Amino acid sequence: MKEPQGGLIKYDEVGEWSELKLEILEKYARAYSQILTSMKATYPKLRHSYIEGFAGAGHHVSKKTKELIPGSPMNALKVRPPFDKYHLVDLDESRVEELRRLTACQTNVTVYGGDCNKILVDHIFPTIRFDHYERALCILDPYSLQLNWDVIASAAQMKTIEIFLNFPVLDINRNVLWRLDGAPPRKIEQMNALWGDSSWRSVAYRTDTTLFGEPEKQSNEVIAEAFRKRLRKVAGFGYVPEPAPMRNSKGAIVYYLFFAAQQRLADKIVTGIFSAYRKRGLLHG
């Protein structure tokens, strides 16, 4: 692929695990748009949107091939039948300008520059109203510990928004859990904001498993399962299938790809997609 214009853009370099994630997101976006479009024969007012909170510049550099590859927003724009509307958000000005250049001819695309934690909750999610026959698929792929629980809870409360969420367990371990006593206060605050409160401490560390009651860090699987329960019981999503662990070339889990929705059919489709990749040996754990 030839490099898009905008020489000042620094594209993110992504590993094979991120390319796998992009493939999974595209598969579900296609299925989602096909189903919602087919329902319009019965519900003519129905409209479905694609929302992305950390949209990036539209392309990435493949770590494997060193070539430019389309990111999730560009893949979503190629989905057929198309979404009715697209809402793309990023904090970085150069990425926002590149997204605007790439989508300049598409009147159904709105690009927002700013903090998605505020923009999603205050401006985008309120438009996806059940009584207005609006539905949406939202991608939340934070670069690090930048996502607030309020965004997740707001999506669940709307009852109209399905989410894919990258839970950044590697960054959580590196910046908080592996050095809890010495972690910068800002990182602790970000962890509280992502989890929704400070209860992650009692999940991540237990004292009843050691001889003298010393805190013992729990596994990634334990932390991911606790977050999955929060998505159901605290946020209020009806269905949260087992997340997909995305591993780097050394086998370490970089993040868990979570899906959360209110519909059984959505859960069934995503579970099927994840299962197919597991059978191919591409998802382990």
C-alpha atoms as a PDB file:
ATOM      1  CA  MET A   1       0.000   0.000   0.000  1.00  0.00           C
ATOM      2  CA  LYS A   2       1.276   3.462  -0.845  1.00  0.00           C
ATOM      3  CA  GLU A   3       1.695   5.820   2.074  1.00  0.00           C
ATOM      4  CA  PRO A   4      -1.243   8.202   2.514  1.00  0.00           C
ATOM      5  CA  GLN A   5      -0.560  11.896   2.339  1.00  0.00           C
ATOM      6  CA  GLY A   6       0.256  13.750   5.512  1.00  0.00           C
ATOM      7  CA  GLY A   7       4.004  13.306   5.978  1.00  0.00           C
ATOM      8  CA  LEU A   8       3.899  14.647   9.523  1.00  0.00           C
ATOM      9  CA  ILE A   9       1.816  11.705  10.702  1.00  0.00           C
ATOM     10  CA  LYS A  10       3.642   9.187  12.853  1.00  0.00           C
ATOM     11  CA  TYR A  11       1.798   5.933  12.301  1.00  0.00           C
ATOM     12  CA  ASP A  12       1.652   3.366  15.087  1.00  0.00           C
ATOM     13  CA  GLU A  13       3.623   0.187  14.430  1.00  0.00           C
ATOM     14  CA  VAL A  14       1.473  -2.836  15.228  1.00  0.00           C
ATOM     15  CA  GLY A  15       2.324  -6.478  15.789  1.00  0.00           C
ATOM     16  CA  GLU A  16       0.576  -9.556  14.451  1.00  0.00           C
ATOM     17  CA  TRP A  17      -1.695  -9.633  17.510  1.00  0.00           C
ATOM     18  CA  SER A  18      -3.060  -6.196  16.573  1.00  0.00           C
ATOM     19  CA  GLU A  19      -3.563  -7.288  12.974  1.00  0.00           C
ATOM     20  CA  LEU A  20      -5.525 -10.250  14.329  1.00  0.00           C
ATOM     21  CA  LYS A  21      -7.641  -7.874  16.415  1.00  0.00           C
ATOM     22  CA  LEU A  22      -8.341  -5.735  13.328  1.00  0.00           C
ATOM     23  CA  GLU A  23      -9.471  -8.873  11.470  1.00  0.00           C
ATOM     24  CA  ILE A  24     -11.834  -9.852  14.301  1.00  0.00           C
ATOM     25  CA  LEU A  25     -13.320  -6.356  14.510  1.00  0.00           C
ATOM     26  CA  GLU A  26     -13.887  -6.250  10.771  1.00  0.00           C
ATOM     27  CA  LYS A  27     -15.619  -9.646  10.780  1.00  0.00           C
ATOM     28  CA  TYR A  28     -18.051  -8.572  13.462  1.00  0.00           C
ATOM     29  CA  ALA A  29     -18.632  -5.110  11.975  1.00  0.00           C
ATOM     30  CA  ARG A  30     -19.650  -6.801   8.716  1.00  0.00           C
ATOM     31  CA  ALA A  31     -22.058  -9.169  10.466  1.00  0.00           C
ATOM     32  CA  TYR A  32     -23.470  -6.358  12.623  1.00  0.00           C
ATOM     33  CA  SER A  33     -24.120  -4.064   9.651  1.00  0.00           C
ATOM     34  CA  GLN A  34     -25.715  -6.854   7.622  1.00  0.00           C
ATOM     35  CA  ILE A  35     -28.116  -7.733  10.451  1.00  0.00           C
ATOM     36  CA  LEU A  36     -29.068  -4.134  11.248  1.00  0.00           C
ATOM     37  CA  THR A  37     -29.563  -3.314   7.574  1.00  0.00           C
ATOM     38  CA  SER A  38     -31.815  -6.353   7.101  1.00  0.00           C
ATOM     39  CA  MET A  39     -33.982  -5.208  10.027  1.00  0.00           C
ATOM     40  CA  LYS A  40     -34.790  -1.920   8.279  1.00  0.00           C
ATOM     41  CA  ALA A  41     -37.408  -3.655   6.157  1.00  0.00           C
ATOM     42  CA  THR A  42     -39.391  -4.106   9.385  1.00  0.00           C
ATOM     43  CA  TYR A  43     -38.173  -0.962  11.158  1.00  0.00           C
ATOM     44  CA  PRO A  44     -37.650   1.720   8.487  1.00  0.00           C
ATOM     45  CA  LYS A  45     -36.564   4.316  11.060  1.00  0.00           C
ATOM     46  CA  LEU A  46     -33.698   2.133  12.288  1.00  0.00           C
ATOM     47  CA  ARG A  47     -30.218   3.643  11.947  1.00  0.00           C
ATOM     48  CA  HIS A  48     -26.912   2.112  12.977  1.00  0.00           C
ATOM     49  CA  SER A  49     -23.639   3.884  13.704  1.00  0.00           C
ATOM     50  CA  TYR A  50     -19.990   3.014  14.038  1.00  0.00           C
ATOM     51  CA  ILE A  51     -18.182   4.750  16.911  1.00  0.00           C
ATOM     52  CA  GLU A  52     -14.486   4.678  17.744  1.00  0.00           C
ATOM     53  CA  GLY A  53     -13.018   6.411  20.790  1.00  0.00           C
ATOM     54  CA  PHE A  54      -9.280   6.107  20.057  1.00  0.00           C
ATOM     55  CA  ALA A  55      -9.488   6.153  16.286  1.00  0.00           C
ATOM     56  CA  GLY A  56      -5.859   6.905  15.424  1.00  0.00           C
ATOM     57  CA  ALA A  57      -4.763   8.233  12.039  1.00  0.00           C
ATOM     58  CA  GLY A  58      -6.596   5.652   9.924  1.00  0.00           C
ATOM     59  CA  HIS A  59      -3.578   3.473   9.137  1.00  0.00           C
ATOM     60  CA  HIS A  60      -0.842   1.573  10.949  1.00  0.00           C
ATOM     61  CA  VAL A  61       2.578   0.224  10.033  1.00  0.00           C
ATOM     62  CA  SER A  62       2.784  -3.560  10.166  1.00  0.00           C
ATOM     63  CA  LYS A  63       5.706  -4.631  12.341  1.00  0.00           C
ATOM     64  CA  LYS A  64       6.003  -7.784  10.239  1.00  0.00           C
ATOM     65  CA  THR A  65       5.982  -6.312   6.719  1.00  0.00           C
ATOM     66  CA  LYS A  66       6.818  -2.641   7.470  1.00  0.00           C
ATOM     67  CA  GLU A  67       3.958  -1.700   5.134  1.00  0.00           C
ATOM     68  CA  LEU A  68       0.982   0.523   5.842  1.00  0.00           C
ATOM     69  CA  ILE A  69      -2.227  -1.309   6.668  1.00  0.00           C
ATOM     70  CA  PRO A  70      -5.731   0.113   7.233  1.00  0.00           C
ATOM     71  CA  GLY A  71      -6.799   0.641  10.824  1.00  0.00           C
ATOM     72  CA  SER A  72     -10.214  -0.197  12.240  1.00  0.00           C
ATOM     73  CA  PRO A  73     -11.906   3.073  11.115  1.00  0.00           C
ATOM     74  CA  MET A  74     -10.837   2.533   7.492  1.00  0.00           C
ATOM     75  CA  ASN A  75     -11.930  -1.114   7.648  1.00  0.00           C
ATOM     76  CA  ALA A  76     -15.318  -0.032   9.020  1.00  0.00           C
ATOM     77  CA  LEU A  77     -15.738   2.469   6.196  1.00  0.00           C
ATOM     78  CA  LYS A  78     -15.319  -0.397   3.708  1.00  0.00           C
ATOM     79  CA  VAL A  79     -18.005  -2.559   5.322  1.00  0.00           C
ATOM     80  CA  ARG A  80     -20.949  -3.346   3.044  1.00  0.00           C
ATOM     81  CA  PRO A  81     -23.757  -2.693   3.576  1.00  0.00           C
ATOM     82  CA  PRO A  82     -22.372   0.478   5.166  1.00  0.00           C
ATOM     83  CA  PHE A  83     -23.154   1.960   8.546  1.00  0.00           C
ATOM     84  CA  ASP A  84     -25.464   4.959   8.429  1.00  0.00           C
ATOM     85  CA  LYS A  85     -23.133   7.167  10.459  1.00  0.00           C
ATOM     86  CA  TYR A  86     -19.549   7.104  11.672  1.00  0.00           C
ATOM     87  CA  HIS A  87     -18.209   8.918  14.736  1.00  0.00           C
ATOM     88  CA  LEU A  88     -14.409   8.931  15.028  1.00  0.00           C
ATOM     89  CA  VAL A  89     -12.618  10.476  18.019  1.00  0.00           C
ATOM     90  CA  ASP A  90      -8.962  11.057  18.806  1.00  0.00           C
ATOM     91  CA  LEU A  91      -7.037  13.371  21.109  1.00  0.00           C
ATOM     92  CA  ASP A  92      -4.001  13.873  18.852  1.00  0.00           C
ATOM     93  CA  GLU A  93      -4.431  16.811  16.466  1.00  0.00           C
ATOM     94  CA  SER A  94      -2.328  15.343  13.659  1.00  0.00           C
ATOM     95  CA  ARG A  95      -4.321  12.098  13.729  1.00  0.00           C
ATOM     96  CA  VAL A  96      -7.592  14.032  13.736  1.00  0.00           C
ATOM     97  CA  GLU A  97      -6.505  16.088  10.723  1.00  0.00           C
ATOM     98  CA  GLU A  98      -5.500  12.952   8.830  1.00  0.00           C
ATOM     99  CA  LEU A  99      -8.847  11.294   9.584  1.00  0.00           C
ATOM    100  CA  ARG A 100     -10.637  14.407   8.359  1.00  0.00           C
ATOM    101  CA  ARG A 101      -8.590  14.388   5.157  1.00  0.00           C
ATOM    102  CA  LEU A 102      -9.292  10.689   4.553  1.00  0.00           C
ATOM    103  CA  THR A 103     -13.049  11.108   5.075  1.00  0.00           C
ATOM    104  CA  ALA A 104     -13.527  14.578   3.575  1.00  0.00           C
ATOM    105  CA  CYS A 105     -15.867  13.328   0.852  1.00  0.00           C
ATOM    106  CA  GLN A 106     -18.084  11.290   3.170  1.00  0.00           C
ATOM    107  CA  THR A 107     -20.898  13.345   4.623  1.00  0.00           C
ATOM    108  CA  ASN A 108     -21.929  10.618   7.080  1.00  0.00           C
ATOM    109  CA  VAL A 109     -18.566  10.740   8.914  1.00  0.00           C
ATOM    110  CA  THR A 110     -17.911  13.077  11.838  1.00  0.00           C
ATOM    111  CA  VAL A 111     -14.394  13.362  13.248  1.00  0.00           C
ATOM    112  CA  TYR A 112     -13.958  14.807  16.730  1.00  0.00           C
ATOM    113  CA  GLY A 113     -10.754  16.140  18.240  1.00  0.00           C
ATOM    114  CA  GLY A 114     -10.514  15.820  22.014  1.00  0.00           C
ATOM    115  CA  ASP A 115     -10.832  13.502  24.980  1.00  0.00           C
ATOM    116  CA  CYS A 116     -13.121  10.623  24.045  1.00  0.00           C
ATOM    117  CA  ASN A 117     -14.050  10.100  27.708  1.00  0.00           C
ATOM    118  CA  LYS A 118     -15.934  13.380  27.547  1.00  0.00           C
ATOM    119  CA  ILE A 119     -16.971  13.440  23.883  1.00  0.00           C
ATOM    120  CA  LEU A 120     -18.519   9.967  23.918  1.00  0.00           C
ATOM    121  CA  VAL A 121     -20.491  10.441  27.119  1.00  0.00           C
ATOM    122  CA  ASP A 122     -21.570  14.057  26.551  1.00  0.00           C
ATOM    123  CA  HIS A 123     -22.071  14.268  22.800  1.00  0.00           C
ATOM    124  CA  ILE A 124     -22.206  10.936  20.948  1.00  0.00           C
ATOM    125  CA  PHE A 125     -23.818   8.323  23.199  1.00  0.00           C
ATOM    126  CA  PRO A 126     -26.856  10.539  24.003  1.00  0.00           C
ATOM    127  CA  THR A 127     -27.750  10.535  20.289  1.00  0.00           C
ATOM    128  CA  ILE A 128     -27.966   6.713  20.189  1.00  0.00           C
ATOM    129  CA  ARG A 129     -31.440   6.619  21.688  1.00  0.00           C
ATOM    130  CA  PHE A 130     -33.571   3.503  21.878  1.00  0.00           C
ATOM    131  CA  ASP A 131     -36.808   5.393  21.218  1.00  0.00           C
ATOM    132  CA  HIS A 132     -35.266   6.989  18.119  1.00  0.00           C
ATOM    133  CA  TYR A 133     -34.359   3.558  16.696  1.00  0.00           C
ATOM    134  CA  GLU A 134     -30.637   4.305  16.905  1.00  0.00           C
ATOM    135  CA  ARG A 135     -28.118   1.522  17.483  1.00  0.00           C
ATOM    136  CA  ALA A 136     -24.307   1.533  17.517  1.00  0.00           C
ATOM    137  CA  LEU A 137     -21.134  -0.527  17.626  1.00  0.00           C
ATOM    138  CA  CYS A 138     -18.403   1.207  19.625  1.00  0.00           C
ATOM    139  CA  ILE A 139     -14.681   0.364  19.573  1.00  0.00           C
ATOM    140  CA  LEU A 140     -12.654   1.350  22.650  1.00  0.00           C
ATOM    141  CA  ASP A 141      -8.966   0.691  22.032  1.00  0.00           C
ATOM    142  CA  PRO A 142      -7.026   2.924  24.448  1.00  0.00           C
ATOM    143  CA  TYR A 143      -3.330   3.523  23.847  1.00  0.00           C
ATOM    144  CA  SER A 144      -2.668   2.886  27.553  1.00  0.00           C
ATOM    145  CA  LEU A 145      -4.616   3.600  30.774  1.00  0.00           C
ATOM    146  CA  GLN A 146      -6.685   6.393  29.224  1.00  0.00           C
ATOM    147  CA  LEU A 147     -10.222   5.038  29.279  1.00  0.00           C
ATOM    148  CA  ASN A 148     -12.699   5.915  32.037  1.00  0.00           C
ATOM    149  CA  TRP A 149     -15.263   3.477  33.423  1.00  0.00           C
ATOM    150  CA  ASP A 150     -17.931   6.162  32.901  1.00  0.00           C
ATOM    151  CA  VAL A 151     -17.716   5.533  29.152  1.00  0.00           C
ATOM    152  CA  ILE A 152     -18.300   1.801  29.588  1.00  0.00           C
ATOM    153  CA  ALA A 153     -21.156   2.291  32.061  1.00  0.00           C
ATOM    154  CA  SER A 154     -22.797   4.935  29.860  1.00  0.00           C
ATOM    155  CA  ALA A 155     -22.731   2.611  26.854  1.00  0.00           C
ATOM    156  CA  ALA A 156     -24.403  -0.124  28.916  1.00  0.00           C
ATOM    157  CA  GLN A 157     -27.040   2.236  30.301  1.00  0.00           C
ATOM    158  CA  MET A 158     -28.067   3.364  26.820  1.00  0.00           C
ATOM    159  CA  LYS A 159     -29.132  -0.253  26.002  1.00  0.00           C
ATOM    160  CA  THR A 160     -28.383   0.523  22.359  1.00  0.00           C
ATOM    161  CA  ILE A 161     -24.578   0.311  22.178  1.00  0.00           C
ATOM    162  CA  GLU A 162     -22.370  -2.754  21.830  1.00  0.00           C
ATOM    163  CA  ILE A 163     -18.690  -2.388  22.661  1.00  0.00           C
ATOM    164  CA  PHE A 164     -15.376  -3.988  21.864  1.00  0.00           C
ATOM    165  CA  LEU A 165     -12.849  -3.037  24.527  1.00  0.00           C
ATOM    166  CA  ASN A 166      -9.131  -3.651  24.690  1.00  0.00           C
ATOM    167  CA  PHE A 167      -8.306  -4.180  28.356  1.00  0.00           C
ATOM    168  CA  PRO A 168      -4.590  -3.230  28.497  1.00  0.00           C
ATOM    169  CA  VAL A 169      -3.355  -5.811  31.003  1.00  0.00           C
ATOM    170  CA  LEU A 170       0.324  -5.445  30.025  1.00  0.00           C
ATOM    171  CA  ASP A 171       0.253  -1.700  30.718  1.00  0.00           C
ATOM    172  CA  ILE A 172      -1.719  -2.303  33.905  1.00  0.00           C
ATOM    173  CA  ASN A 173       0.910  -4.762  35.121  1.00  0.00           C
ATOM    174  CA  ARG A 174       3.857  -2.626  34.079  1.00  0.00           C
ATOM    175  CA  ASN A 175       2.577   0.714  35.369  1.00  0.00           C
ATOM    176  CA  VAL A 176       0.594  -0.331  38.439  1.00  0.00           C
ATOM    177  CA  LEU A 177       0.425  -3.935  39.615  1.00  0.00           C
ATOM    178  CA  TRP A 178       4.074  -4.968  39.438  1.00  0.00           C
ATOM    179  CA  ARG A 179       5.113  -1.920  41.463  1.00  0.00           C
ATOM    180  CA  LEU A 180       2.016  -1.054  43.440  1.00  0.00           C
ATOM    181  CA  ASP A 181       3.877   0.568  46.346  1.00  0.00           C
ATOM    182  CA  GLY A 182       5.977   2.665  43.975  1.00  0.00           C
ATOM    183  CA  ALA A 183       3.473   3.351  41.196  1.00  0.00           C
ATOM    184  CA  PRO A 184       3.042   7.058  40.380  1.00  0.00           C
ATOM    185  CA  PRO A 185      -0.176   8.504  41.873  1.00  0.00           C
ATOM    186  CA  ARG A 186      -1.317   9.448  38.366  1.00  0.00           C
ATOM    187  CA  LYS A 187      -1.188   5.787  37.298  1.00  0.00           C
ATOM    188  CA  ILE A 188      -3.152   4.724  40.362  1.00  0.00           C
ATOM    189  CA  GLU A 189      -5.775   7.368  39.515  1.00  0.00           C
ATOM    190  CA  GLN A 190      -5.937   6.117  35.932  1.00  0.00           C
ATOM    191  CA  MET A 191      -6.391   2.554  37.131  1.00  0.00           C
ATOM    192  CA  ASN A 192      -9.192   3.652  39.461  1.00  0.00           C
ATOM    193  CA  ALA A 193     -10.794   5.521  36.545  1.00  0.00           C
ATOM    194  CA  LEU A 194     -10.591   2.490  34.225  1.00  0.00           C
ATOM    195  CA  TRP A 195     -11.901   0.028  36.822  1.00  0.00           C
ATOM    196  CA  GLY A 196     -14.537   2.428  38.152  1.00  0.00           C
ATOM    197  CA  ASP A 197     -13.283   2.390  41.744  1.00  0.00           C
ATOM    198  CA  SER A 198     -10.367   1.036  43.805  1.00  0.00           C
ATOM    199  CA  SER A 199     -11.778  -2.467  44.225  1.00  0.00           C
ATOM    200  CA  TRP A 200      -9.197  -3.757  41.715  1.00  0.00           C
ATOM    201  CA  ARG A 201      -6.729  -3.860  44.620  1.00  0.00           C
ATOM    202  CA  SER A 202      -8.583  -6.681  46.359  1.00  0.00           C
ATOM    203  CA  VAL A 203      -8.856  -8.521  43.028  1.00  0.00           C
ATOM    204  CA  ALA A 204      -5.216  -8.118  41.996  1.00  0.00           C
ATOM    205  CA  TYR A 205      -3.767  -8.994  45.399  1.00  0.00           C
ATOM    206  CA  ARG A 206      -4.781 -11.583  47.996  1.00  0.00           C
ATOM    207  CA  THR A 207      -3.394 -12.075  51.467  1.00  0.00           C
ATOM    208  CA  ASP A 208      -5.140 -15.319  52.361  1.00  0.00           C
ATOM    209  CA  THR A 209      -2.936 -17.440  50.106  1.00  0.00           C
ATOM    210  CA  THR A 210       0.435 -16.803  51.785  1.00  0.00           C
ATOM    211  CA  LEU A 211       1.844 -18.109  55.051  1.00  0.00           C
ATOM    212  CA  PHE A 212       2.284 -14.730  56.744  1.00  0.00           C
ATOM    213  CA  GLY A 213      -0.437 -12.761  54.980  1.00  0.00           C
ATOM    214  CA  GLU A 214       1.804 -10.998  52.486  1.00  0.00           C
ATOM    215  CA  PRO A 215      -0.024  -9.645  49.422  1.00  0.00           C
ATOM    216  CA  GLU A 216       0.244 -12.048  46.482  1.00  0.00           C
ATOM    217  CA  LYS A 217      -0.425 -10.799  42.956  1.00  0.00           C
ATOM    218  CA  GLN A 218      -3.094 -12.714  41.096  1.00  0.00           C
ATOM    219  CA  SER A 219      -2.846 -13.916  37.501  1.00  0.00           C
ATOM    220  CA  ASN A 220      -3.954 -12.037  34.412  1.00  0.00           C
ATOM    221  CA  GLU A 221      -6.803 -14.535  34.056  1.00  0.00           C
ATOM    222  CA  VAL A 222      -8.151 -13.732  37.523  1.00  0.00           C
ATOM    223  CA  ILE A 223      -8.044  -9.988  36.848  1.00  0.00           C
ATOM    224  CA  ALA A 224      -9.689 -10.353  33.425  1.00  0.00           C
ATOM    225  CA  GLU A 225     -12.482 -12.527  34.837  1.00  0.00           C
ATOM    226  CA  ALA A 226     -13.146  -9.971  37.594  1.00  0.00           C
ATOM    227  CA  PHE A 227     -13.398  -7.223  34.989  1.00  0.00           C
ATOM    228  CA  ARG A 228     -15.747  -9.388  32.933  1.00  0.00           C
ATOM    229  CA  LYS A 229     -18.029  -9.705  35.978  1.00  0.00           C
ATOM    230  CA  ARG A 230     -17.962  -5.924  36.438  1.00  0.00           C
ATOM    231  CA  LEU A 231     -19.098  -5.445  32.850  1.00  0.00           C
ATOM    232  CA  ARG A 232     -22.159  -7.591  33.608  1.00  0.00           C
ATOM    233  CA  LYS A 233     -22.995  -6.841  37.220  1.00  0.00           C
ATOM    234  CA  VAL A 234     -21.813  -3.243  37.646  1.00  0.00           C
ATOM    235  CA  ALA A 235     -22.046  -1.719  34.156  1.00  0.00           C
ATOM    236  CA  GLY A 236     -25.154  -3.732  33.291  1.00  0.00           C
ATOM    237  CA  PHE A 237     -24.366  -5.433  29.987  1.00  0.00           C
ATOM    238  CA  GLY A 238     -26.521  -8.495  29.436  1.00  0.00           C
ATOM    239  CA  TYR A 239     -23.871 -10.559  27.645  1.00  0.00           C
ATOM    240  CA  VAL A 240     -20.087 -10.563  28.018  1.00  0.00           C
ATOM    241  CA  PRO A 241     -18.432 -13.613  26.443  1.00  0.00           C
ATOM    242  CA  GLU A 242     -15.046 -14.852  27.568  1.00  0.00           C
ATOM    243  CA  PRO A 243     -12.513 -12.317  26.223  1.00  0.00           C
ATOM    244  CA  ALA A 244      -9.856 -13.101  23.651  1.00  0.00           C
ATOM    245  CA  PRO A 245      -6.285 -12.905  25.005  1.00  0.00           C
ATOM    246  CA  MET A 246      -4.073 -11.121  22.477  1.00  0.00           C
ATOM    247  CA  ARG A 247      -0.438 -12.244  22.802  1.00  0.00           C
ATOM    248  CA  ASN A 248       2.779 -10.747  21.468  1.00  0.00           C
ATOM    249  CA  SER A 249       5.527 -12.676  19.687  1.00  0.00           C
ATOM    250  CA  LYS A 250       6.950 -13.787  23.055  1.00  0.00           C
ATOM    251  CA  GLY A 251       3.630 -15.243  24.176  1.00  0.00           C
ATOM    252  CA  ALA A 252       2.855 -12.556  26.753  1.00  0.00           C
ATOM    253  CA  ILE A 253      -0.724 -11.280  26.928  1.00  0.00           C
ATOM    254  CA  VAL A 254      -0.707  -7.649  25.760  1.00  0.00           C
ATOM    255  CA  TYR A 255      -4.426  -7.088  26.257  1.00  0.00           C
ATOM    256  CA  TYR A 256      -7.749  -8.881  26.447  1.00  0.00           C
ATOM    257  CA  LEU A 257     -10.281  -8.121  23.735  1.00  0.00           C
ATOM    258  CA  PHE A 258     -13.640  -7.862  25.481  1.00  0.00           C
ATOM    259  CA  PHE A 259     -17.068  -7.702  23.882  1.00  0.00           C
ATOM    260  CA  ALA A 260     -20.203  -6.575  25.699  1.00  0.00           C
ATOM    261  CA  ALA A 261     -23.776  -6.249  24.463  1.00  0.00           C
ATOM    262  CA  GLN A 262     -27.439  -6.521  25.464  1.00  0.00           C
ATOM    263  CA  GLN A 263     -28.495  -9.034  22.802  1.00  0.00           C
ATOM    264  CA  ARG A 264     -28.049 -12.810  22.852  1.00  0.00           C
ATOM    265  CA  LEU A 265     -27.492 -12.896  19.086  1.00  0.00           C
ATOM    266  CA  ALA A 266     -24.535 -10.523  19.377  1.00  0.00           C
ATOM    267  CA  ASP A 267     -23.022 -12.729  22.069  1.00  0.00           C
ATOM    268  CA  LYS A 268     -23.524 -15.821  19.898  1.00  0.00           C
ATOM    269  CA  ILE A 269     -21.814 -14.247  16.876  1.00  0.00           C
ATOM    270  CA  VAL A 270     -18.778 -12.989  18.790  1.00  0.00           C
ATOM    271  CA  THR A 271     -18.418 -16.259  20.705  1.00  0.00           C
ATOM    272  CA  GLY A 272     -18.433 -18.026  17.344  1.00  0.00           C
ATOM    273  CA  ILE A 273     -15.759 -15.718  15.934  1.00  0.00           C
ATOM    274  CA  PHE A 274     -13.532 -16.141  18.994  1.00  0.00           C
ATOM    275  CA  SER A 275     -14.044 -19.934  18.934  1.00  0.00           C
ATOM    276  CA  ALA A 276     -13.026 -20.139  15.283  1.00  0.00           C
ATOM    277  CA  TYR A 277      -9.745 -18.368  16.019  1.00  0.00           C
ATOM    278  CA  ARG A 278      -9.132 -20.557  19.062  1.00  0.00           C
ATOM    279  CA  LYS A 279      -9.585 -23.694  16.959  1.00  0.00           C
ATOM    280  CA  ARG A 280      -6.993 -22.337  14.545  1.00  0.00           C
ATOM    281  CA  GLY A 281      -4.577 -21.938  17.464  1.00  0.00           C
ATOM    282  CA  LEU A 282      -4.499 -18.146  17.205  1.00  0.00           C
ATOM    283  CA  LEU A 283      -5.951 -17.471  20.658  1.00  0.00           C
ATOM    284  CA  HIS A 284      -4.472 -19.224  23.656  1.00  0.00           C
ATOM    285  CA  GLY A 285      -5.645 -18.974  27.261  1.00  0.00           C
END
